[in-house]
């Protein structure tokens, strides 16, 4: 698997020295900045027909590279993997039937948003505009709700349930995590 290059993305949080949960919270803040900007782009598309394929493609790259490969995959491979293996049925329900479902739904939304951007670029019809805005806003709403659930339910559960020594081990794994395609 090839490592993902995040150098094109500005203002990524410096999570060195943070425990895994604090680092994930900082990453959420940066992801939500891009979600807010994606919503702004949708409003502009609806109100004035302003569309930049390059800007939409940048959002797709950010979501796939940073939000998904660097953040969600790290959650899945490090924190959530430990929780599923060690924290019982509550973790199973929370992670497998909640957080991981959201991750998969987000990936599907991004694919549909990318397809809709290509369709709109080829044919800027009202139908294609609605499709693009619908999928982009589906992602925006999904990621906001997902972040809220992780920040208020999943991460506090992890903090309460994982021994501090184990949390330190997970933090080390997360700090050494290399995002991959």
Protein backbone atom coordinates (compact mmCIF):
# COMPACT_ATOMS: atom_id res chain seq x y z
CA UNK A 1 0.00 0.00 0.00
CA UNK A 2 1.27 3.42 -0.93
CA UNK A 3 1.61 6.11 1.73
CA UNK A 4 -0.61 9.14 1.25
CA UNK A 5 0.97 12.55 0.84
CA UNK A 6 -0.84 15.19 2.91
CA UNK A 7 1.48 18.07 1.97
CA UNK A 8 -1.09 19.85 -0.22
CA UNK A 9 -3.38 20.46 2.76
CA UNK A 10 -2.73 23.58 4.82
CA UNK A 11 -3.26 24.09 8.52
CA UNK A 12 -3.33 20.44 9.55
CA UNK A 13 -3.16 20.18 13.34
CA UNK A 14 0.13 19.40 15.00
CA UNK A 15 -0.87 16.50 17.22
CA UNK A 16 2.60 15.68 18.54
CA UNK A 17 2.49 15.41 22.29
CA UNK A 18 -1.27 14.79 22.37
CA UNK A 19 -2.80 11.53 23.47
CA UNK A 20 -4.74 9.62 20.82
CA UNK A 21 -8.12 11.04 21.83
CA UNK A 22 -6.94 14.66 21.96
CA UNK A 23 -5.27 14.18 18.58
CA UNK A 24 -8.50 12.80 17.10
CA UNK A 25 -10.42 15.76 18.53
CA UNK A 26 -7.95 18.19 16.92
CA UNK A 27 -8.27 16.36 13.61
CA UNK A 28 -12.06 16.67 13.87
CA UNK A 29 -11.77 20.44 14.13
CA UNK A 30 -9.79 20.58 10.87
CA UNK A 31 -12.21 18.20 9.11
CA UNK A 32 -15.15 20.39 10.15
CA UNK A 33 -13.44 23.47 8.66
CA UNK A 34 -13.48 21.71 5.28
CA UNK A 35 -17.09 20.58 5.79
CA UNK A 36 -18.10 24.20 6.45
CA UNK A 37 -16.29 25.27 3.29
CA UNK A 38 -17.97 22.51 1.28
CA UNK A 39 -21.33 23.80 2.50
CA UNK A 40 -20.33 27.33 1.42
CA UNK A 41 -19.47 25.97 -2.02
CA UNK A 42 -22.89 24.31 -2.23
CA UNK A 43 -24.64 27.57 -1.32
CA UNK A 44 -22.70 29.37 -4.05
CA UNK A 45 -23.58 26.70 -6.57
CA UNK A 46 -27.27 26.98 -5.68
CA UNK A 47 -27.46 30.76 -5.52
CA UNK A 48 -25.16 31.85 -8.33
CA UNK A 49 -24.24 28.75 -10.30
CA UNK A 50 -20.60 29.18 -9.25
CA UNK A 51 -18.81 25.89 -9.78
CA UNK A 52 -15.12 25.07 -9.75
CA UNK A 53 -14.37 21.45 -10.53
CA UNK A 54 -10.86 21.99 -9.17
CA UNK A 55 -12.28 23.16 -5.83
CA UNK A 56 -14.66 20.18 -5.60
CA UNK A 57 -11.82 17.83 -6.55
CA UNK A 58 -9.70 19.38 -3.77
CA UNK A 59 -12.49 18.64 -1.27
CA UNK A 60 -12.68 15.04 -2.46
CA UNK A 61 -8.89 14.67 -2.12
CA UNK A 62 -8.99 16.21 1.36
CA UNK A 63 -11.79 13.93 2.49
CA UNK A 64 -10.20 10.80 1.04
CA UNK A 65 -6.64 11.58 2.11
CA UNK A 66 -7.00 13.34 5.43
CA UNK A 67 -10.49 12.70 6.82
CA UNK A 68 -10.58 9.08 5.67
CA UNK A 69 -7.04 7.70 5.23
CA UNK A 70 -5.27 9.72 7.92
CA UNK A 71 -8.11 10.01 10.44
CA UNK A 72 -10.80 7.34 9.98
CA UNK A 73 -8.39 4.57 9.02
CA UNK A 74 -6.20 5.44 12.02
CA UNK A 75 -9.28 5.22 14.25
CA UNK A 76 -10.20 1.89 12.69
CA UNK A 77 -6.70 0.40 12.78
CA UNK A 78 -5.64 1.66 16.21
CA UNK A 79 -8.33 2.90 18.59
CA UNK A 80 -11.42 1.12 17.34
CA UNK A 81 -9.56 -2.13 16.74
CA UNK A 82 -8.48 -2.16 20.38
CA UNK A 83 -11.96 -1.24 21.57
CA UNK A 84 -13.61 -4.00 19.51
CA UNK A 85 -11.12 -6.59 20.74
CA UNK A 86 -11.21 -5.62 24.41
CA UNK A 87 -14.23 -3.62 25.51
CA UNK A 88 -17.13 -6.00 24.96
CA UNK A 89 -20.63 -5.62 23.61
CA UNK A 90 -20.99 -1.90 24.29
CA UNK A 91 -17.94 -1.22 22.12
CA UNK A 92 -19.20 -3.68 19.52
CA UNK A 93 -22.51 -1.82 19.25
CA UNK A 94 -20.97 1.63 19.34
CA UNK A 95 -18.11 0.99 16.93
CA UNK A 96 -19.24 -1.72 14.52
CA UNK A 97 -22.87 -0.63 14.26
CA UNK A 98 -22.29 3.10 14.57
CA UNK A 99 -18.90 4.62 13.85
CA UNK A 100 -17.80 2.14 11.16
CA UNK A 101 -21.17 2.40 9.42
CA UNK A 102 -20.71 6.17 9.30
CA UNK A 103 -17.21 5.75 7.84
CA UNK A 104 -18.58 3.54 5.05
CA UNK A 105 -21.49 5.90 4.40
CA UNK A 106 -19.05 8.80 4.13
CA UNK A 107 -16.95 6.92 1.58
CA UNK A 108 -20.06 6.23 -0.49
CA UNK A 109 -21.15 9.89 -0.30
CA UNK A 110 -17.76 11.07 -1.51
CA UNK A 111 -17.86 8.68 -4.48
CA UNK A 112 -21.34 9.92 -5.40
CA UNK A 113 -20.26 13.55 -4.93
CA UNK A 114 -17.28 12.99 -7.22
CA UNK A 115 -19.49 11.37 -9.87
CA UNK A 116 -22.02 14.19 -9.55
CA UNK A 117 -19.29 16.83 -9.98
CA UNK A 118 -18.18 15.16 -13.21
CA UNK A 119 -21.76 14.95 -14.45
CA UNK A 120 -22.42 18.60 -13.61
CA UNK A 121 -19.22 19.70 -15.32
CA UNK A 122 -20.27 17.81 -18.46
CA UNK A 123 -23.89 19.00 -18.31
CA UNK A 124 -24.65 21.88 -15.92
CA UNK A 125 -28.35 21.09 -15.84
CA UNK A 126 -30.56 21.79 -12.83
CA UNK A 127 -30.87 18.04 -12.28
CA UNK A 128 -27.11 17.58 -12.15
CA UNK A 129 -26.71 20.64 -9.91
CA UNK A 130 -29.26 19.24 -7.46
CA UNK A 131 -27.52 15.86 -7.49
CA UNK A 132 -24.13 17.42 -6.76
CA UNK A 133 -25.44 19.64 -3.97
CA UNK A 134 -27.44 16.76 -2.51
CA UNK A 135 -24.47 14.40 -2.23
CA UNK A 136 -22.10 17.09 -1.00
CA UNK A 137 -24.57 18.18 1.68
CA UNK A 138 -25.26 14.54 2.59
CA UNK A 139 -21.57 14.26 3.39
CA UNK A 140 -21.53 17.56 5.31
CA UNK A 141 -24.47 16.51 7.49
CA UNK A 142 -23.06 13.02 7.98
CA UNK A 143 -19.59 14.17 9.04
CA UNK A 144 -20.96 16.76 11.44
CA UNK A 145 -23.22 14.21 13.14
CA UNK A 146 -20.44 11.61 13.14
CA UNK A 147 -17.96 13.99 14.77
CA UNK A 148 -20.56 14.92 17.38
CA UNK A 149 -21.15 11.24 18.25
CA UNK A 150 -17.44 10.49 18.46
CA UNK A 151 -16.67 13.60 20.52
CA UNK A 152 -19.51 13.06 22.99
CA UNK A 153 -19.93 9.26 23.09
CA UNK A 154 -17.14 7.17 21.52
CA UNK A 155 -14.11 9.08 22.79
CA UNK A 156 -15.42 9.62 26.34
CA UNK A 157 -16.23 5.88 26.45
CA UNK A 158 -12.67 5.12 25.34
CA UNK A 159 -11.20 7.43 28.00
CA UNK A 160 -13.31 5.81 30.75
CA UNK A 161 -12.72 2.24 29.61
CA UNK A 162 -9.10 2.03 28.48
CA UNK A 163 -6.34 1.74 31.07
CA UNK A 164 -3.94 4.72 30.92
CA UNK A 165 -0.98 2.45 30.11
CA UNK A 166 -2.86 0.98 27.17
CA UNK A 167 -3.95 4.48 26.10
CA UNK A 168 -0.26 5.43 26.02
CA UNK A 169 0.47 2.43 23.77
CA UNK A 170 -2.40 3.37 21.45
CA UNK A 171 -1.13 6.95 21.38
CA UNK A 172 2.32 5.74 20.30
CA UNK A 173 0.75 3.63 17.55
CA UNK A 174 -1.35 6.58 16.38
CA UNK A 175 1.66 8.92 16.34
CA UNK A 176 3.54 6.45 14.15
CA UNK A 177 0.58 5.73 11.88
CA UNK A 178 1.21 6.20 8.17
CA UNK A 179 -1.91 6.94 6.12
CA UNK A 180 -2.18 4.63 3.13
CA UNK A 181 -4.39 4.24 0.11
